[in-house]
Amino acid sequence: MSKEVSFEKSMEKLENIVGEMEGGELSLDAMIKRFEEGQGLIKFCSGKLDEVERKIEKLLNNEGEPETEPFGDEKAESEKLQTAIEDMESATKTPRKEPPVDTAQADLPF
């Protein structure tokens, strides 16, 4: 029997993955696996949000009142998903090391 995954459970799992990645204790291999898993969850959640948005637009268009902006819980979930995406992306980026500043030359008048 196939068990359908819910949007809410997927978001919760995505948030957990982001937390693990930001924690800095994962090995590189584990980080890559979590990133791949997170990408799949992002794709699933984005698809669900798009599906719901299309259904809502269709319902509103049938009543003669087109609406393109998400509202209520859908808007909040969309914002949470975007934040999770941004958090995942920032957790996987390696901080850039700045070259050391040579203070002896910085004080020269020429």
C-alpha atoms as a PDB file:
ATOM      1  CA  MET A   1       0.000   0.000   0.000  1.00  0.00           C
ATOM      2  CA  SER A   2       1.394   3.413  -0.996  1.00  0.00           C
ATOM      3  CA  LYS A   3       1.518   6.002   1.752  1.00  0.00           C
ATOM      4  CA  GLU A   4       1.211   9.587   0.504  1.00  0.00           C
ATOM      5  CA  VAL A   5       3.594  12.044   2.121  1.00  0.00           C
ATOM      6  CA  SER A   6       1.991  15.241   3.416  1.00  0.00           C
ATOM      7  CA  PHE A   7       3.203  18.746   2.703  1.00  0.00           C
ATOM      8  CA  GLU A   8       3.456  19.484   6.417  1.00  0.00           C
ATOM      9  CA  LYS A   9       5.580  16.404   7.154  1.00  0.00           C
ATOM     10  CA  SER A  10       7.830  17.243   4.207  1.00  0.00           C
ATOM     11  CA  MET A  11       8.312  20.803   5.463  1.00  0.00           C
ATOM     12  CA  GLU A  12       9.084  19.523   8.947  1.00  0.00           C
ATOM     13  CA  LYS A  13      11.662  17.111   7.537  1.00  0.00           C
ATOM     14  CA  LEU A  14      13.166  19.883   5.400  1.00  0.00           C
ATOM     15  CA  GLU A  15      13.486  22.140   8.438  1.00  0.00           C
ATOM     16  CA  ASN A  16      15.230  19.312  10.324  1.00  0.00           C
ATOM     17  CA  ILE A  17      17.658  18.806   7.448  1.00  0.00           C
ATOM     18  CA  VAL A  18      18.458  22.519   7.369  1.00  0.00           C
ATOM     19  CA  GLY A  19      19.079  22.440  11.128  1.00  0.00           C
ATOM     20  CA  GLU A  20      21.428  19.468  10.793  1.00  0.00           C
ATOM     21  CA  MET A  21      23.323  21.145   7.975  1.00  0.00           C
ATOM     22  CA  GLU A  22      23.639  24.423   9.851  1.00  0.00           C
ATOM     23  CA  GLY A  23      24.816  22.546  12.944  1.00  0.00           C
ATOM     24  CA  GLY A  24      28.154  21.950  11.251  1.00  0.00           C
ATOM     25  CA  GLU A  25      28.637  18.463  12.651  1.00  0.00           C
ATOM     26  CA  LEU A  26      27.875  16.473   9.483  1.00  0.00           C
ATOM     27  CA  SER A  27      30.617  14.921   7.401  1.00  0.00           C
ATOM     28  CA  LEU A  28      30.902  16.045   3.806  1.00  0.00           C
ATOM     29  CA  ASP A  29      29.245  12.826   2.581  1.00  0.00           C
ATOM     30  CA  ALA A  30      26.381  13.223   5.058  1.00  0.00           C
ATOM     31  CA  MET A  31      26.041  16.887   4.071  1.00  0.00           C
ATOM     32  CA  ILE A  32      25.723  15.932   0.403  1.00  0.00           C
ATOM     33  CA  LYS A  33      23.119  13.255   1.190  1.00  0.00           C
ATOM     34  CA  ARG A  34      21.110  15.720   3.277  1.00  0.00           C
ATOM     35  CA  PHE A  35      21.382  18.335   0.533  1.00  0.00           C
ATOM     36  CA  GLU A  36      20.096  15.854  -2.075  1.00  0.00           C
ATOM     37  CA  GLU A  37      17.260  14.821   0.218  1.00  0.00           C
ATOM     38  CA  GLY A  38      16.425  18.471   0.843  1.00  0.00           C
ATOM     39  CA  GLN A  39      16.356  19.224  -2.871  1.00  0.00           C
ATOM     40  CA  GLY A  40      13.824  16.422  -3.358  1.00  0.00           C
ATOM     41  CA  LEU A  41      11.689  17.786  -0.535  1.00  0.00           C
ATOM     42  CA  ILE A  42      11.874  21.308  -1.975  1.00  0.00           C
ATOM     43  CA  LYS A  43      10.738  20.003  -5.353  1.00  0.00           C
ATOM     44  CA  PHE A  44       7.856  18.082  -3.733  1.00  0.00           C
ATOM     45  CA  CYS A  45       6.734  21.045  -1.598  1.00  0.00           C
ATOM     46  CA  SER A  46       6.993  23.513  -4.472  1.00  0.00           C
ATOM     47  CA  GLY A  47       4.908  21.184  -6.623  1.00  0.00           C
ATOM     48  CA  LYS A  48       2.261  20.897  -3.910  1.00  0.00           C
ATOM     49  CA  LEU A  49       2.122  24.681  -3.484  1.00  0.00           C
ATOM     50  CA  ASP A  50       1.814  25.169  -7.248  1.00  0.00           C
ATOM     51  CA  GLU A  51      -0.967  22.570  -7.370  1.00  0.00           C
ATOM     52  CA  VAL A  52      -2.889  24.254  -4.555  1.00  0.00           C
ATOM     53  CA  GLU A  53      -2.408  27.678  -6.119  1.00  0.00           C
ATOM     54  CA  ARG A  54      -3.790  26.418  -9.467  1.00  0.00           C
ATOM     55  CA  LYS A  55      -6.810  24.892  -7.715  1.00  0.00           C
ATOM     56  CA  ILE A  56      -7.517  28.096  -5.827  1.00  0.00           C
ATOM     57  CA  GLU A  57      -7.135  30.217  -8.957  1.00  0.00           C
ATOM     58  CA  LYS A  58      -9.512  27.897 -10.824  1.00  0.00           C
ATOM     59  CA  LEU A  59     -12.082  28.124  -8.032  1.00  0.00           C
ATOM     60  CA  LEU A  60     -11.810  31.901  -7.868  1.00  0.00           C
ATOM     61  CA  ASN A  61     -11.938  32.256 -11.662  1.00  0.00           C
ATOM     62  CA  ASN A  62     -15.132  30.230 -11.687  1.00  0.00           C
ATOM     63  CA  GLU A  63     -16.636  32.816  -9.358  1.00  0.00           C
ATOM     64  CA  GLY A  64     -15.393  35.712 -11.503  1.00  0.00           C
ATOM     65  CA  GLU A  65     -12.825  36.972  -9.004  1.00  0.00           C
ATOM     66  CA  PRO A  66      -9.300  36.103 -10.234  1.00  0.00           C
ATOM     67  CA  GLU A  67      -6.661  35.979  -7.524  1.00  0.00           C
ATOM     68  CA  THR A  68      -2.981  35.304  -8.076  1.00  0.00           C
ATOM     69  CA  GLU A  69      -1.518  36.032  -4.653  1.00  0.00           C
ATOM     70  CA  PRO A  70      -1.378  33.147  -2.168  1.00  0.00           C
ATOM     71  CA  PHE A  71      -3.294  33.792   1.017  1.00  0.00           C
ATOM     72  CA  GLY A  72      -3.588  32.508   4.580  1.00  0.00           C
ATOM     73  CA  ASP A  73      -1.739  29.309   5.409  1.00  0.00           C
ATOM     74  CA  GLU A  74      -0.605  28.834   1.818  1.00  0.00           C
ATOM     75  CA  LYS A  75       1.277  32.150   1.894  1.00  0.00           C
ATOM     76  CA  ALA A  76       2.880  31.306   5.243  1.00  0.00           C
ATOM     77  CA  GLU A  77       3.929  27.858   3.992  1.00  0.00           C
ATOM     78  CA  SER A  78       5.302  29.387   0.800  1.00  0.00           C
ATOM     79  CA  GLU A  79       7.375  31.843   2.845  1.00  0.00           C
ATOM     80  CA  LYS A  80       8.607  29.023   5.120  1.00  0.00           C
ATOM     81  CA  LEU A  81       9.617  27.007   2.066  1.00  0.00           C
ATOM     82  CA  GLN A  82      11.517  29.959   0.586  1.00  0.00           C
ATOM     83  CA  THR A  83      13.294  30.513   3.907  1.00  0.00           C
ATOM     84  CA  ALA A  84      14.211  26.824   4.097  1.00  0.00           C
ATOM     85  CA  ILE A  85      15.601  26.973   0.558  1.00  0.00           C
ATOM     86  CA  GLU A  86      17.703  30.013   1.405  1.00  0.00           C
ATOM     87  CA  ASP A  87      18.897  28.400   4.661  1.00  0.00           C
ATOM     88  CA  MET A  88      19.895  25.227   2.814  1.00  0.00           C
ATOM     89  CA  GLU A  89      21.792  27.185   0.218  1.00  0.00           C
ATOM     90  CA  SER A  90      23.654  29.224   2.824  1.00  0.00           C
ATOM     91  CA  ALA A  91      24.431  26.136   4.923  1.00  0.00           C
ATOM     92  CA  THR A  92      26.194  24.501   1.992  1.00  0.00           C
ATOM     93  CA  LYS A  93      28.308  27.488   1.008  1.00  0.00           C
ATOM     94  CA  THR A  94      31.877  27.533   2.251  1.00  0.00           C
ATOM     95  CA  PRO A  95      32.800  30.848   3.857  1.00  0.00           C
ATOM     96  CA  ARG A  96      35.312  32.792   1.810  1.00  0.00           C
ATOM     97  CA  LYS A  97      38.571  33.484   3.582  1.00  0.00           C
ATOM     98  CA  GLU A  98      39.814  37.025   3.215  1.00  0.00           C
ATOM     99  CA  PRO A  99      43.545  37.497   2.698  1.00  0.00           C
ATOM    100  CA  PRO A 100      45.379  38.809   5.764  1.00  0.00           C
ATOM    101  CA  VAL A 101      45.899  42.564   5.857  1.00  0.00           C
ATOM    102  CA  ASP A 102      49.514  43.690   6.024  1.00  0.00           C
ATOM    103  CA  THR A 103      49.254  46.420   8.661  1.00  0.00           C
ATOM    104  CA  ALA A 104      52.912  47.423   8.273  1.00  0.00           C
ATOM    105  CA  GLN A 105      52.275  48.699   4.760  1.00  0.00           C
ATOM    106  CA  ALA A 106      48.927  50.223   5.643  1.00  0.00           C
ATOM    107  CA  ASP A 107      50.659  52.918   7.759  1.00  0.00           C
ATOM    108  CA  LEU A 108      53.074  54.099   5.053  1.00  0.00           C
ATOM    109  CA  PRO A 109      52.401  57.629   3.770  1.00  0.00           C
ATOM    110  CA  PHE A 110      52.980  56.722   0.086  1.00  0.00           C
END
